N, C-alpha and C. Protein backbone atom coordinates (compact mmCIF):
# COMPACT_ATOMS: atom_id res chain seq x y z
N ILE A 1 105.16 122.25 111.61
CA ILE A 1 105.83 120.96 111.68
C ILE A 1 107.05 121.14 112.58
N THR A 2 107.02 120.49 113.71
CA THR A 2 108.11 120.66 114.67
C THR A 2 109.15 119.56 114.56
N SER A 3 108.75 118.35 114.14
CA SER A 3 109.72 117.27 113.95
C SER A 3 109.11 116.18 113.07
N GLY A 4 110.00 115.42 112.42
CA GLY A 4 109.57 114.26 111.65
C GLY A 4 108.77 114.56 110.40
N GLY A 5 108.96 115.72 109.82
CA GLY A 5 108.24 116.06 108.60
C GLY A 5 108.83 115.43 107.37
N VAL A 6 108.13 115.60 106.27
CA VAL A 6 108.54 115.08 104.97
C VAL A 6 108.55 116.24 103.99
N THR A 7 109.53 116.27 103.10
CA THR A 7 109.55 117.29 102.05
C THR A 7 109.23 116.60 100.73
N TYR A 8 108.24 117.14 100.02
CA TYR A 8 107.84 116.62 98.72
C TYR A 8 107.55 117.80 97.82
N HIS A 9 108.19 117.86 96.67
CA HIS A 9 108.07 118.98 95.74
C HIS A 9 108.38 120.31 96.44
N ASP A 10 109.46 120.27 97.23
CA ASP A 10 109.94 121.46 97.95
C ASP A 10 108.92 122.04 98.92
N ARG A 11 107.98 121.23 99.38
CA ARG A 11 106.99 121.68 100.36
C ARG A 11 107.00 120.74 101.55
N PRO A 12 106.88 121.29 102.77
CA PRO A 12 106.86 120.42 103.96
C PRO A 12 105.49 119.78 104.18
N TRP A 13 105.52 118.56 104.69
CA TRP A 13 104.30 117.81 105.00
C TRP A 13 104.46 117.16 106.37
N HIS A 14 103.36 117.06 107.14
CA HIS A 14 103.37 116.20 108.32
C HIS A 14 103.48 114.77 107.81
N LYS A 15 104.15 113.90 108.57
CA LYS A 15 104.25 112.49 108.17
C LYS A 15 102.87 111.89 107.91
N GLU A 16 101.94 112.16 108.79
CA GLU A 16 100.61 111.55 108.68
C GLU A 16 99.78 112.13 107.54
N CYS A 17 100.20 113.27 107.00
CA CYS A 17 99.47 113.90 105.89
C CYS A 17 100.03 113.51 104.52
N PHE A 18 101.24 112.96 104.51
CA PHE A 18 101.86 112.57 103.24
C PHE A 18 101.40 111.16 102.91
N VAL A 19 100.34 111.06 102.10
CA VAL A 19 99.69 109.78 101.82
C VAL A 19 99.57 109.53 100.32
N CYS A 20 99.34 108.29 99.96
CA CYS A 20 99.12 107.87 98.58
C CYS A 20 97.85 108.53 98.05
N ALA A 21 97.91 109.06 96.84
CA ALA A 21 96.75 109.69 96.22
C ALA A 21 95.66 108.67 95.90
N GLY A 22 96.02 107.40 95.83
CA GLY A 22 95.04 106.36 95.52
C GLY A 22 94.37 105.78 96.75
N CYS A 23 95.16 105.16 97.63
CA CYS A 23 94.60 104.42 98.76
C CYS A 23 94.74 105.13 100.11
N LYS A 24 95.41 106.27 100.12
CA LYS A 24 95.58 107.10 101.32
C LYS A 24 96.49 106.48 102.38
N THR A 25 97.30 105.49 102.02
CA THR A 25 98.27 104.90 102.93
C THR A 25 99.40 105.90 103.16
N GLN A 26 99.91 105.98 104.40
CA GLN A 26 101.04 106.88 104.68
C GLN A 26 102.25 106.43 103.88
N LEU A 27 102.94 107.41 103.30
CA LEU A 27 104.10 107.11 102.45
C LEU A 27 105.43 107.43 103.10
N SER A 28 105.42 108.06 104.25
CA SER A 28 106.66 108.42 104.92
C SER A 28 107.50 107.16 105.16
N GLY A 29 108.72 107.14 104.65
CA GLY A 29 109.62 106.00 104.80
C GLY A 29 109.34 104.85 103.85
N GLN A 30 108.37 105.01 102.94
CA GLN A 30 108.01 103.96 101.98
C GLN A 30 108.45 104.37 100.57
N ARG A 31 108.59 103.37 99.70
CA ARG A 31 108.84 103.67 98.29
C ARG A 31 107.56 104.18 97.67
N PHE A 32 107.68 105.20 96.83
CA PHE A 32 106.51 105.71 96.15
C PHE A 32 106.91 106.24 94.79
N VAL A 33 105.90 106.46 93.93
CA VAL A 33 106.11 106.96 92.58
C VAL A 33 105.30 108.23 92.42
N SER A 34 105.88 109.24 91.80
CA SER A 34 105.18 110.49 91.56
C SER A 34 104.57 110.47 90.16
N LYS A 35 103.28 110.80 90.07
CA LYS A 35 102.59 110.85 88.78
C LYS A 35 101.68 112.06 88.78
N ASP A 36 101.86 112.93 87.80
CA ASP A 36 101.04 114.15 87.69
C ASP A 36 101.04 114.96 88.99
N GLU A 37 102.22 115.09 89.59
CA GLU A 37 102.40 115.87 90.83
C GLU A 37 101.84 115.21 92.08
N TYR A 38 101.31 113.99 91.98
CA TYR A 38 100.75 113.29 93.13
C TYR A 38 101.60 112.07 93.46
N PRO A 39 101.78 111.77 94.76
CA PRO A 39 102.52 110.57 95.14
C PRO A 39 101.59 109.35 95.22
N TYR A 40 102.08 108.21 94.74
CA TYR A 40 101.33 106.96 94.79
C TYR A 40 102.21 105.88 95.39
N CYS A 41 101.61 104.99 96.20
CA CYS A 41 102.35 103.82 96.65
C CYS A 41 102.62 102.95 95.42
N VAL A 42 103.56 102.05 95.52
CA VAL A 42 103.93 101.21 94.37
C VAL A 42 102.74 100.38 93.89
N ASP A 43 101.94 99.86 94.82
CA ASP A 43 100.78 99.04 94.42
C ASP A 43 99.77 99.84 93.62
N CYS A 44 99.40 101.03 94.11
CA CYS A 44 98.41 101.85 93.40
C CYS A 44 98.94 102.29 92.04
N TYR A 45 100.21 102.70 91.99
CA TYR A 45 100.78 103.11 90.71
C TYR A 45 100.73 101.95 89.72
N SER A 46 101.09 100.75 90.19
CA SER A 46 101.09 99.58 89.32
C SER A 46 99.70 99.29 88.78
N LYS A 47 98.70 99.35 89.64
CA LYS A 47 97.33 99.05 89.22
C LYS A 47 96.78 100.11 88.27
N LEU A 48 97.09 101.38 88.55
CA LEU A 48 96.48 102.48 87.79
C LEU A 48 97.22 102.86 86.51
N TYR A 49 98.55 102.81 86.53
CA TYR A 49 99.31 103.42 85.44
C TYR A 49 100.34 102.53 84.74
N ALA A 50 100.84 101.52 85.39
CA ALA A 50 101.93 100.73 84.80
C ALA A 50 101.44 99.94 83.59
N LYS A 51 102.30 99.79 82.60
CA LYS A 51 101.99 98.94 81.45
C LYS A 51 102.00 97.50 81.91
N LYS A 52 101.25 96.65 81.20
CA LYS A 52 101.15 95.24 81.57
C LYS A 52 102.00 94.38 80.64
N CYS A 53 102.62 93.37 81.20
CA CYS A 53 103.45 92.43 80.45
C CYS A 53 102.58 91.66 79.47
N ALA A 54 103.03 91.55 78.21
CA ALA A 54 102.28 90.83 77.17
C ALA A 54 102.18 89.34 77.48
N ALA A 55 103.11 88.81 78.29
CA ALA A 55 103.08 87.38 78.59
C ALA A 55 102.30 87.06 79.87
N CYS A 56 102.68 87.67 81.00
CA CYS A 56 102.06 87.31 82.28
C CYS A 56 100.93 88.26 82.69
N LYS A 57 100.80 89.37 81.99
CA LYS A 57 99.74 90.37 82.23
C LYS A 57 99.91 91.15 83.54
N LYS A 58 101.01 90.95 84.27
CA LYS A 58 101.26 91.69 85.51
C LYS A 58 101.90 93.03 85.17
N PRO A 59 101.77 94.03 86.07
CA PRO A 59 102.32 95.36 85.79
C PRO A 59 103.84 95.34 85.66
N ILE A 60 104.35 96.21 84.79
CA ILE A 60 105.79 96.41 84.63
C ILE A 60 106.10 97.76 85.25
N THR A 61 106.81 97.75 86.38
CA THR A 61 107.10 99.01 87.06
C THR A 61 108.52 99.49 86.81
N ALA A 62 109.44 98.59 86.51
CA ALA A 62 110.86 98.93 86.31
C ALA A 62 111.47 99.57 87.56
N LEU A 63 110.86 99.37 88.72
CA LEU A 63 111.43 99.87 89.97
C LEU A 63 112.56 98.95 90.40
N GLY A 64 113.53 99.50 91.07
CA GLY A 64 114.65 98.70 91.55
C GLY A 64 115.54 98.21 90.44
N GLY A 65 115.53 98.88 89.30
CA GLY A 65 116.40 98.50 88.19
C GLY A 65 115.94 97.30 87.41
N ALA A 66 114.69 96.89 87.58
CA ALA A 66 114.18 95.74 86.83
C ALA A 66 114.26 96.03 85.33
N LYS A 67 114.58 95.00 84.57
CA LYS A 67 114.70 95.13 83.12
C LYS A 67 113.40 94.73 82.44
N PHE A 68 113.10 95.43 81.34
CA PHE A 68 111.94 95.04 80.55
C PHE A 68 112.24 95.27 79.09
N ILE A 69 111.48 94.61 78.23
CA ILE A 69 111.65 94.68 76.78
C ILE A 69 110.41 95.32 76.19
N SER A 70 110.63 96.20 75.23
CA SER A 70 109.52 96.87 74.55
C SER A 70 109.69 96.67 73.05
N PHE A 71 108.64 96.23 72.39
CA PHE A 71 108.67 96.04 70.94
C PHE A 71 107.31 96.44 70.40
N GLU A 72 107.31 97.38 69.47
CA GLU A 72 106.10 97.95 68.92
C GLU A 72 105.22 98.43 70.08
N GLU A 73 104.02 97.94 70.23
CA GLU A 73 103.13 98.42 71.29
C GLU A 73 103.11 97.52 72.52
N ARG A 74 104.00 96.52 72.57
CA ARG A 74 103.98 95.55 73.67
C ARG A 74 105.22 95.65 74.53
N GLN A 75 105.09 95.24 75.79
CA GLN A 75 106.20 95.20 76.74
C GLN A 75 106.18 93.85 77.45
N TRP A 76 107.36 93.41 77.89
CA TRP A 76 107.51 92.17 78.64
C TRP A 76 108.48 92.39 79.78
N HIS A 77 108.30 91.69 80.90
CA HIS A 77 109.34 91.59 81.91
C HIS A 77 110.49 90.83 81.24
N GLY A 78 111.72 91.10 81.64
CA GLY A 78 112.86 90.38 81.06
C GLY A 78 112.72 88.88 81.17
N GLU A 79 112.22 88.40 82.31
CA GLU A 79 112.07 86.95 82.52
C GLU A 79 110.88 86.35 81.76
N CYS A 80 110.02 87.20 81.20
CA CYS A 80 108.85 86.71 80.46
C CYS A 80 109.04 86.75 78.94
N PHE A 81 110.14 87.35 78.48
CA PHE A 81 110.36 87.50 77.04
C PHE A 81 110.97 86.22 76.48
N ASN A 82 110.11 85.25 76.21
CA ASN A 82 110.54 83.91 75.79
C ASN A 82 109.83 83.50 74.50
N CYS A 83 110.44 82.57 73.79
CA CYS A 83 109.84 82.00 72.59
C CYS A 83 108.50 81.35 72.95
N ALA A 84 107.48 81.62 72.16
CA ALA A 84 106.14 81.09 72.42
C ALA A 84 106.08 79.57 72.22
N LYS A 85 107.03 79.01 71.45
CA LYS A 85 107.01 77.56 71.20
C LYS A 85 107.91 76.79 72.16
N CYS A 86 109.18 77.16 72.25
CA CYS A 86 110.13 76.36 73.04
C CYS A 86 110.51 77.00 74.36
N SER A 87 110.04 78.20 74.62
CA SER A 87 110.25 78.92 75.89
C SER A 87 111.68 79.38 76.15
N VAL A 88 112.56 79.32 75.16
CA VAL A 88 113.93 79.81 75.35
C VAL A 88 113.88 81.33 75.51
N SER A 89 114.74 81.87 76.36
CA SER A 89 114.78 83.31 76.57
C SER A 89 115.21 84.02 75.29
N LEU A 90 114.54 85.12 74.98
CA LEU A 90 114.87 85.90 73.78
C LEU A 90 115.58 87.21 74.15
N VAL A 91 115.90 87.40 75.41
CA VAL A 91 116.58 88.61 75.86
C VAL A 91 117.95 88.67 75.19
N GLY A 92 118.21 89.74 74.48
CA GLY A 92 119.49 89.93 73.81
C GLY A 92 119.64 89.09 72.55
N GLN A 93 118.59 88.41 72.12
CA GLN A 93 118.63 87.56 70.94
C GLN A 93 117.76 88.14 69.84
N GLY A 94 118.02 87.72 68.63
CA GLY A 94 117.11 88.07 67.54
C GLY A 94 115.84 87.24 67.70
N PHE A 95 114.74 87.73 67.17
CA PHE A 95 113.49 86.98 67.27
C PHE A 95 112.61 87.31 66.08
N LEU A 96 111.61 86.50 65.87
CA LEU A 96 110.63 86.68 64.80
C LEU A 96 109.26 86.85 65.45
N THR A 97 108.35 87.45 64.71
CA THR A 97 106.99 87.58 65.23
C THR A 97 106.02 86.85 64.30
N ARG A 98 105.00 86.27 64.89
CA ARG A 98 103.92 85.64 64.14
C ARG A 98 102.64 85.97 64.89
N GLN A 99 101.84 86.83 64.32
CA GLN A 99 100.64 87.37 64.99
C GLN A 99 101.07 87.96 66.32
N ASP A 100 100.56 87.45 67.44
CA ASP A 100 100.92 87.99 68.75
C ASP A 100 102.09 87.27 69.40
N ASP A 101 102.63 86.26 68.74
CA ASP A 101 103.71 85.47 69.32
C ASP A 101 105.09 86.02 68.94
N VAL A 102 106.05 85.83 69.83
CA VAL A 102 107.46 86.06 69.51
C VAL A 102 108.14 84.69 69.51
N LEU A 103 109.00 84.47 68.52
CA LEU A 103 109.62 83.17 68.34
C LEU A 103 111.12 83.30 68.16
N CYS A 104 111.86 82.29 68.62
CA CYS A 104 113.30 82.23 68.34
C CYS A 104 113.45 81.89 66.85
N HIS A 105 114.67 82.03 66.33
CA HIS A 105 114.89 81.78 64.90
C HIS A 105 114.63 80.31 64.54
N GLU A 106 114.98 79.39 65.44
CA GLU A 106 114.76 77.97 65.14
C GLU A 106 113.28 77.63 65.02
N CYS A 107 112.47 78.15 65.94
CA CYS A 107 111.03 77.86 65.91
C CYS A 107 110.31 78.67 64.84
N GLY A 108 110.89 79.80 64.46
CA GLY A 108 110.27 80.63 63.43
C GLY A 108 110.48 80.09 62.05
């Protein structure tokens, strides 16, 4: 490697050889996530490994400081953690559960 290399896990890589373990897209200069010693682009990591939001079903990556809520076996994006009846945000609030729903105290 004479110029423009990448260092990953203390090993040098050619830029064109440092690729996502899932889709093989070049990762040099891109955001990526390491999983089991392999680098993944954000999209592949989200599809393969990220937990899914109980409300919108989209991946929760918590990249870029995104906030999420976890309760028992479920997770929500901060913006998705709302009362199932009146849709008020439950972030930082007390809440009740009824089957799979989370409810504010008034609706509960």
